[in-house]
Protein backbone atom coordinates (compact mmCIF):
# COMPACT_ATOMS: atom_id res chain seq x y z
CA MET A 1 0.00 0.00 0.00
CA GLU A 2 1.18 3.50 -0.89
CA THR A 3 1.15 5.96 2.03
CA ALA A 4 1.75 9.69 2.32
CA ASP A 5 1.02 12.62 4.58
CA VAL A 6 -1.41 14.02 2.00
CA ILE A 7 -3.02 12.51 -1.08
CA VAL A 8 -4.09 15.04 -3.71
CA VAL A 9 -6.66 13.77 -6.18
CA GLY A 10 -6.18 15.72 -9.41
CA GLY A 11 -3.00 17.08 -10.97
CA GLY A 12 -4.26 20.34 -12.48
CA PRO A 13 -3.23 23.81 -11.26
CA ALA A 14 -5.15 23.50 -7.95
CA GLY A 15 -3.65 20.11 -7.14
CA SER A 16 -0.12 20.96 -8.23
CA ALA A 17 -0.13 24.29 -6.33
CA CYS A 18 -1.32 22.49 -3.21
CA ALA A 19 1.26 19.73 -3.62
CA THR A 20 4.08 22.25 -4.19
CA ALA A 21 3.30 24.16 -0.98
CA LEU A 22 2.95 20.96 1.05
CA ILE A 23 6.23 19.49 -0.18
CA ARG A 24 8.05 22.75 0.50
CA GLY A 25 6.59 22.49 4.01
CA GLY A 26 8.16 19.08 4.49
CA ARG A 27 5.17 16.82 3.77
CA LYS A 28 5.16 13.68 1.65
CA VAL A 29 2.56 14.04 -1.10
CA ILE A 30 1.09 11.65 -3.65
CA VAL A 31 -0.89 13.10 -6.56
CA LEU A 32 -3.40 10.76 -8.20
CA ASP A 33 -4.80 11.60 -11.62
CA LYS A 34 -6.73 9.44 -14.07
CA GLU A 35 -4.74 10.82 -17.00
CA SER A 36 -1.07 10.91 -17.90
CA PHE A 37 0.54 14.33 -18.22
CA PRO A 38 0.92 16.21 -20.46
CA ARG A 39 -2.77 15.94 -21.34
CA THR A 40 -5.18 18.05 -23.34
CA LYS A 41 -7.31 20.43 -21.27
CA LEU A 42 -10.00 22.69 -22.70
CA CYS A 43 -9.45 26.18 -21.32
CA ALA A 44 -9.03 29.73 -22.59
CA GLY A 45 -5.79 29.73 -20.57
CA TRP A 46 -6.01 33.32 -19.37
CA VAL A 47 -3.40 33.90 -16.62
CA SER A 48 -2.97 37.18 -14.76
CA PRO A 49 0.30 38.56 -13.35
CA GLY A 50 -1.15 37.87 -9.89
CA VAL A 51 -1.27 34.16 -10.65
CA PHE A 52 2.44 34.09 -11.44
CA GLN A 53 3.04 36.05 -8.25
CA ALA A 54 1.05 33.51 -6.22
CA LEU A 55 3.14 30.74 -7.77
CA GLY A 56 6.38 32.56 -6.97
CA LEU A 57 7.23 32.36 -10.66
CA ASP A 58 8.62 35.11 -12.88
CA PRO A 59 6.71 34.98 -16.20
CA ALA A 60 10.06 35.37 -17.97
CA ALA A 61 11.19 32.13 -16.35
CA TYR A 62 8.19 30.10 -17.54
CA PRO A 63 9.76 27.67 -20.01
CA ALA A 64 6.75 26.93 -22.25
CA GLY A 65 4.70 29.10 -24.59
CA LEU A 66 3.53 32.37 -23.05
CA HIS A 67 1.68 35.07 -24.96
CA THR A 68 1.43 38.56 -23.47
CA PHE A 69 -1.48 40.74 -24.51
CA ASP A 70 -1.52 44.42 -23.61
CA HIS A 71 -5.13 45.04 -24.62
CA LEU A 72 -8.37 43.44 -23.51
CA VAL A 73 -11.06 44.40 -26.02
CA VAL A 74 -14.58 44.29 -24.55
CA HIS A 75 -17.62 44.26 -26.87
CA ALA A 76 -21.12 44.75 -25.42
CA TRP A 77 -24.40 46.30 -26.58
CA GLY A 78 -22.86 47.57 -29.79
CA MET A 79 -19.94 49.24 -28.03
CA THR A 80 -16.25 48.36 -28.17
CA LEU A 81 -13.93 49.26 -25.31
CA PRO A 82 -10.18 48.49 -25.63
CA LEU A 83 -8.56 48.34 -22.20
CA ARG A 84 -4.82 48.61 -21.68
CA THR A 85 -3.65 45.86 -19.36
CA ARG A 86 -0.96 43.23 -18.89
CA GLN A 87 -2.27 39.68 -19.05
CA TYR A 88 -1.01 36.34 -20.35
CA SER A 89 -2.33 33.28 -22.11
CA VAL A 90 -0.98 29.74 -21.82
CA ARG A 91 -1.72 26.38 -23.33
CA ARG A 92 -3.01 24.18 -20.53
CA VAL A 93 -1.39 21.08 -22.03
CA GLU A 94 1.97 22.77 -21.28
CA PHE A 95 1.10 24.84 -18.21
CA ASP A 96 -0.43 22.01 -16.17
CA ASP A 97 2.38 19.61 -17.02
CA TYR A 98 5.02 22.15 -16.01
CA LEU A 99 3.35 22.97 -12.68
CA LEU A 100 2.90 19.31 -11.81
CA ARG A 101 6.54 18.44 -12.57
CA ARG A 102 7.63 21.57 -10.66
CA SER A 103 5.80 20.33 -7.55
CA ASN A 104 8.20 17.35 -7.14
CA ALA A 105 5.26 15.26 -5.93
CA THR A 106 5.00 11.54 -6.51
CA VAL A 107 2.52 11.36 -9.39
CA ILE A 108 0.59 8.14 -10.02
CA ARG A 109 -1.88 7.56 -12.82
CA HIS A 110 -4.97 6.21 -11.10
CA ASP A 111 -8.73 6.63 -11.63
CA VAL A 112 -10.12 6.98 -8.10
CA ARG A 113 -13.25 4.89 -7.50
CA GLU A 114 -13.77 4.63 -3.74
CA ILE A 115 -12.74 6.79 -0.79
CA ALA A 116 -13.39 5.60 2.75
CA ARG A 117 -12.48 6.87 6.19
CA ALA A 118 -9.84 4.67 7.79
CA GLY A 119 -9.07 5.57 11.39
CA GLU A 120 -7.96 9.21 11.37
CA GLY A 121 -7.22 9.13 7.66
CA TYR A 122 -8.59 8.06 4.30
CA LEU A 123 -8.22 4.89 2.25
CA ILE A 124 -8.48 5.19 -1.53
CA ASP A 125 -9.37 2.07 -3.51
CA GLY A 126 -7.67 -0.07 -0.86
CA ALA A 127 -4.31 0.98 -2.28
CA PHE A 128 -3.52 4.49 -0.98
CA HIS A 129 -3.70 5.89 2.55
CA ALA A 130 -3.07 9.30 4.08
CA PRO A 131 -4.23 11.34 7.10
CA HIS A 132 -5.33 14.13 4.71
CA VAL A 133 -6.95 14.06 1.28
CA VAL A 134 -7.40 17.02 -1.08
CA GLY A 135 -9.94 16.95 -3.88
CA ALA A 136 -8.56 18.77 -6.91
CA GLY A 137 -10.22 16.66 -9.58
CA GLY A 138 -12.45 19.28 -11.16
CA THR A 139 -16.23 19.43 -11.34
CA ARG A 140 -16.66 15.66 -11.07
CA CYS A 141 -14.01 15.17 -8.42
CA PRO A 142 -14.38 11.84 -6.57
CA VAL A 143 -13.48 13.52 -3.27
CA HIS A 144 -16.54 15.75 -3.63
CA ARG A 145 -18.67 12.79 -4.71
CA HIS A 146 -17.73 10.56 -1.76
CA LEU A 147 -17.15 13.02 1.08
CA PHE A 148 -19.08 16.23 0.29
CA ARG A 149 -21.96 15.76 -2.14
CA ALA A 150 -24.44 14.25 0.34
CA TYR A 151 -24.62 17.42 2.40
CA SER A 152 -23.11 20.00 0.05
CA PRO A 153 -24.24 19.44 -3.55
CA HIS A 154 -23.16 21.87 -6.26
CA ASN A 155 -25.52 24.82 -6.72
CA LYS A 156 -27.15 24.28 -10.12
CA THR A 157 -28.02 27.98 -10.45
CA LEU A 158 -24.28 28.67 -10.61
CA GLN A 159 -23.49 26.10 -13.29
CA ILE A 160 -21.66 27.34 -16.36
CA ALA A 161 -21.80 25.56 -19.71
CA ALA A 162 -18.99 26.23 -22.18
CA THR A 163 -18.01 25.14 -25.64
CA GLU A 164 -14.59 25.91 -27.09
CA LEU A 165 -11.82 24.91 -29.43
CA GLU A 166 -8.05 25.42 -29.44
CA PHE A 167 -6.37 24.98 -32.78
CA PRO A 168 -3.18 25.97 -34.63
CA PHE A 169 -3.67 29.29 -36.40
CA ALA A 170 -1.38 32.14 -37.42
CA TRP A 171 -3.49 34.81 -35.75
CA ARG A 172 -3.11 38.41 -36.86
CA ASP A 173 -4.70 40.22 -33.91
CA PRO A 174 -2.60 39.68 -30.74
CA ARG A 175 -5.27 41.11 -28.40
CA CYS A 176 -7.82 39.22 -26.32
CA HIS A 177 -11.47 39.92 -27.29
CA LEU A 178 -14.61 39.34 -25.19
CA TRP A 179 -18.20 39.64 -26.48
CA PHE A 180 -20.80 39.99 -23.71
CA PHE A 181 -24.55 39.27 -23.85
CA ASP A 182 -24.66 38.95 -27.64
CA HIS A 183 -28.14 37.90 -28.86
CA GLY A 184 -29.30 37.41 -25.28
CA LEU A 185 -26.41 35.13 -24.29
CA PRO A 186 -26.23 35.01 -20.46
CA GLY A 187 -22.44 35.01 -20.65
CA TYR A 188 -19.77 35.87 -23.19
CA ALA A 189 -17.70 34.64 -26.11
CA TRP A 190 -13.92 34.94 -26.37
CA TYR A 191 -10.98 35.07 -28.74
CA VAL A 192 -7.66 34.32 -27.00
CA PRO A 193 -4.44 34.17 -29.06
CA LYS A 194 -1.64 32.00 -27.70
CA ALA A 195 2.07 31.60 -28.27
CA GLY A 196 3.42 29.31 -30.97
CA GLY A 197 0.59 29.99 -33.40
CA TRP A 198 -2.40 28.73 -31.40
CA LEU A 199 -5.83 30.28 -30.99
CA ASN A 200 -8.59 29.53 -28.46
CA LEU A 201 -12.21 30.38 -29.25
CA GLY A 202 -15.15 29.74 -26.98
CA VAL A 203 -18.57 30.60 -25.60
CA GLY A 204 -19.69 30.27 -21.99
CA ALA A 205 -23.00 30.98 -20.27
CA LEU A 206 -25.05 30.25 -17.17
CA SER A 207 -26.84 26.99 -17.92
CA GLU A 208 -30.23 27.67 -16.34
CA PRO A 209 -30.91 31.10 -17.93
CA LEU A 210 -29.70 29.66 -21.25
CA ARG A 211 -32.25 26.84 -20.97
CA GLN A 212 -35.05 29.16 -19.90
CA ARG A 213 -34.47 31.32 -22.98
CA GLY A 214 -34.68 28.30 -25.24
CA GLN A 215 -31.12 28.82 -26.44
CA ASN A 216 -28.16 26.51 -26.83
CA LEU A 217 -24.43 27.13 -27.01
CA HIS A 218 -24.12 25.69 -30.50
CA GLU A 219 -26.05 28.58 -32.06
CA HIS A 220 -23.91 31.10 -30.19
CA TRP A 221 -20.76 29.25 -31.27
CA GLU A 222 -21.91 29.52 -34.88
CA ARG A 223 -22.48 33.26 -34.45
CA LEU A 224 -18.98 33.67 -33.00
CA VAL A 225 -17.31 31.79 -35.85
CA THR A 226 -19.33 33.70 -38.44
CA ARG A 227 -18.43 37.04 -36.85
CA LEU A 228 -14.72 36.23 -36.67
CA GLY A 229 -14.72 35.14 -40.30
CA ARG A 230 -16.47 38.35 -41.35
CA LEU A 231 -13.92 40.42 -39.41
CA GLY A 232 -11.02 38.54 -40.96
CA MET A 233 -9.89 37.24 -37.55
CA ILE A 234 -10.03 33.61 -38.74
CA ASP A 235 -9.85 32.06 -42.20
CA ASP A 236 -11.50 28.71 -42.83
CA ARG A 237 -14.15 27.60 -40.36
CA PRO A 238 -12.50 25.71 -37.48
CA LEU A 239 -13.41 22.18 -36.50
CA THR A 240 -16.32 21.40 -34.20
CA ALA A 241 -15.90 22.68 -30.66
CA ALA A 242 -16.24 20.53 -27.52
CA GLY A 243 -18.25 21.25 -24.39
CA TYR A 244 -17.93 20.98 -20.63
CA SER A 245 -19.41 22.54 -17.49
CA TYR A 246 -18.28 23.83 -14.11
CA PHE A 247 -19.56 25.94 -11.21
CA LEU A 248 -19.12 29.54 -10.15
CA ARG A 249 -18.15 30.63 -6.67
CA GLU A 250 -20.58 30.18 -3.79
CA ARG A 251 -20.65 32.91 -1.15
CA SER A 252 -18.86 30.53 1.22
CA GLY A 253 -17.85 26.85 1.48
CA PRO A 254 -17.99 24.30 2.82
CA TRP A 255 -14.55 23.36 1.53
CA GLN A 256 -13.47 21.18 4.46
CA ASN A 257 -14.92 18.01 5.97
CA GLY A 258 -12.67 16.66 8.71
CA ASN A 259 -9.26 16.24 7.11
CA ALA A 260 -10.71 16.23 3.59
CA PHE A 261 -10.57 19.39 1.50
CA LEU A 262 -11.79 20.70 -1.85
CA VAL A 263 -9.91 23.13 -4.10
CA GLY A 264 -10.32 24.62 -7.55
CA ASP A 265 -13.30 23.54 -9.65
CA ALA A 266 -14.02 20.72 -7.20
CA ALA A 267 -14.86 23.47 -4.71
CA GLY A 268 -16.66 25.64 -7.28
CA MET A 269 -14.11 28.45 -7.05
CA ALA A 270 -14.47 30.07 -10.51
CA THR A 271 -15.04 33.84 -10.37
CA ARG A 272 -18.60 35.13 -10.40
CA ASP A 273 -18.06 37.78 -13.06
CA LEU A 274 -15.90 36.17 -15.77
CA GLY A 275 -15.98 32.51 -14.74
CA GLU A 276 -12.17 32.45 -14.58
CA GLY A 277 -10.82 29.40 -12.81
CA ILE A 278 -7.03 29.19 -12.97
CA GLY A 279 -6.25 31.95 -10.46
CA PRO A 280 -8.81 30.84 -7.84
CA ALA A 281 -7.72 27.22 -8.31
CA ILE A 282 -4.07 27.98 -7.59
CA ARG A 283 -4.87 30.27 -4.66
CA SER A 284 -7.25 27.74 -3.12
CA GLY A 285 -4.66 24.97 -3.44
CA ILE A 286 -2.06 27.09 -1.66
CA ALA A 287 -4.55 28.15 1.04
CA VAL A 288 -5.52 24.55 1.81
CA ALA A 289 -1.85 23.54 1.95
CA GLU A 290 -1.16 26.33 4.43
CA GLY A 291 -4.08 25.16 6.55
CA ILE A 292 -2.79 21.59 6.60
CA LEU A 293 0.76 22.68 7.39
CA HIS A 294 -0.35 24.82 10.32
CA GLY A 295 -3.20 22.63 11.57
CA GLN A 296 -5.76 25.34 10.86
CA PRO A 297 -9.06 25.47 8.91
CA ALA A 298 -8.78 26.11 5.20
CA MET A 299 -9.21 29.87 4.65
CA LEU A 300 -10.68 30.27 1.18
CA ASP A 301 -13.06 33.14 1.93
CA ASP A 302 -10.22 35.65 1.41
CA ILE A 303 -9.83 34.59 -2.24
CA SER A 304 -11.60 37.18 -4.37
CA PRO A 305 -14.75 35.96 -6.14
CA LEU A 306 -14.16 38.47 -8.95
CA SER A 307 -11.75 38.58 -11.88
CA VAL A 308 -12.00 42.37 -12.06
CA ASP A 309 -9.77 42.57 -9.00
CA GLU A 310 -7.00 41.17 -11.21
CA LEU A 311 -7.79 43.68 -13.95
CA LEU A 312 -7.61 46.58 -11.49
CA ASN A 313 -3.96 45.75 -10.94
CA GLY A 314 -3.04 46.21 -14.56
CA THR A 315 -5.65 48.40 -16.23
CA ARG A 316 -6.23 52.13 -16.24
CA ARG A 317 -8.76 52.94 -13.54
CA VAL A 318 -11.08 54.99 -15.75
CA ALA A 319 -11.23 52.24 -18.36
CA CYS A 320 -11.71 49.58 -15.71
CA ARG A 321 -14.61 51.48 -14.16
CA ALA A 322 -16.18 51.57 -17.62
CA LEU A 323 -15.71 47.81 -17.86
CA LEU A 324 -17.41 47.34 -14.49
CA ARG A 325 -20.37 49.42 -15.65
CA LEU A 326 -20.65 47.29 -18.78
CA LEU A 327 -20.67 44.11 -16.73
CA GLY A 328 -22.96 45.47 -14.03
CA VAL A 329 -20.38 44.49 -11.43
CA ALA A 330 -18.80 46.58 -8.68
CA PRO A 331 -15.58 45.62 -6.90
CA ARG A 332 -16.02 43.32 -3.91
CA GLN A 333 -19.68 42.70 -4.72
CA LEU A 334 -21.09 39.38 -5.87
CA PRO A 335 -23.38 39.69 -8.88
CA GLN A 336 -26.61 37.73 -8.98
CA ALA A 337 -26.38 34.33 -10.64
CA ALA A 338 -29.32 34.85 -12.99
C-alpha cells in the first residue's frame, strides 16, 4: 500500500499548487490523476500577473509558450472598449504539465473509484492511505462525490456551460477579445491568441438562464465563428468545438470536511463575473496547503470571487470602471447568478 502525509486527487493547477506548498513544508505528497501528463485540457488559458506572483514564478522564467497581450477588447451592446492591461495566455497542455513536474510530488496515474475513512485518515481504492486528502479533480471530483456531495451538492443555479476549441492558427490580432450578452447570451464569447501559433475560441453561459431562454451554445458558437470570419480574424471555419461545465463561486464553502478538502473547480471556485478558474484554483490549493501545514481550517473566503480585482492591478482605472459598468459588477460585490 502507498502511504503519504497528504493525497491530492487531481494534478491540475489547484492540485499541483497544493502539492508544491505541502512538499516545500516538508510533507510527503502523492498526486493521483486518471490521465497521464501532459494531457489536453480545454481552457481559454487566461493567466494574470497575480497568478504568477502567487506561484512565486517570474513569467520570464516560464519555459513553455507564453503570450502577453496588452489590450483586452470588450464588446457589449454595440460598443467596443479596448482596455490597456498586462495579461497572459498559456496552453493548458503545457502549463499544467510544467506545474505538476515543478511540484516534485509523486505522481501516479490512477482513476479513483472509492474513498473511505480509515481511522484518522482516508483509504483510496484499498491501495492508498493518508491522514489528509485534497480533492482537486475538477467538477466531477471523486473527493466531492464521496465526502461532500451528500450534504453540500453543487448549486445548479451557478453552473456554467462552455463550448470551445483550441487549434493551430497564425493569428493576426494579438489582443484578447470578449463579447458579452450577444443575442441574449447570459455570458460571453472569447478570442484568445496563444504563443506558438495557437488560438482559443469559446462561448460560456449560465446553464439555467440559457435553458429558460430556449437557447443553446451551438447557435452562439456559430455566431462567433461567423463574426470572426467576417472580421477577418479567422480564415476557414474551425473544426467542431467541444463542451464541458463547471460551477461559479458560492458565497462561502464548505470546503473542508474533517481532514478532507476541496480546491479549484471541485470546490466551485471560478469567479462570479468572468468565470475564470485558474487563479482561484491555484490560490485555493495554496490556502488549503497552508491550513494543513499549520493545523488550521482552510481559509478560502479571502480569495476574491471576482476577476475584475485582477484587472484593477493592470488596467487604467477609468477604463476599468467603464468595464465594471458594462458588466454590471462593482468591486467586492457578488453579482446575482441569474
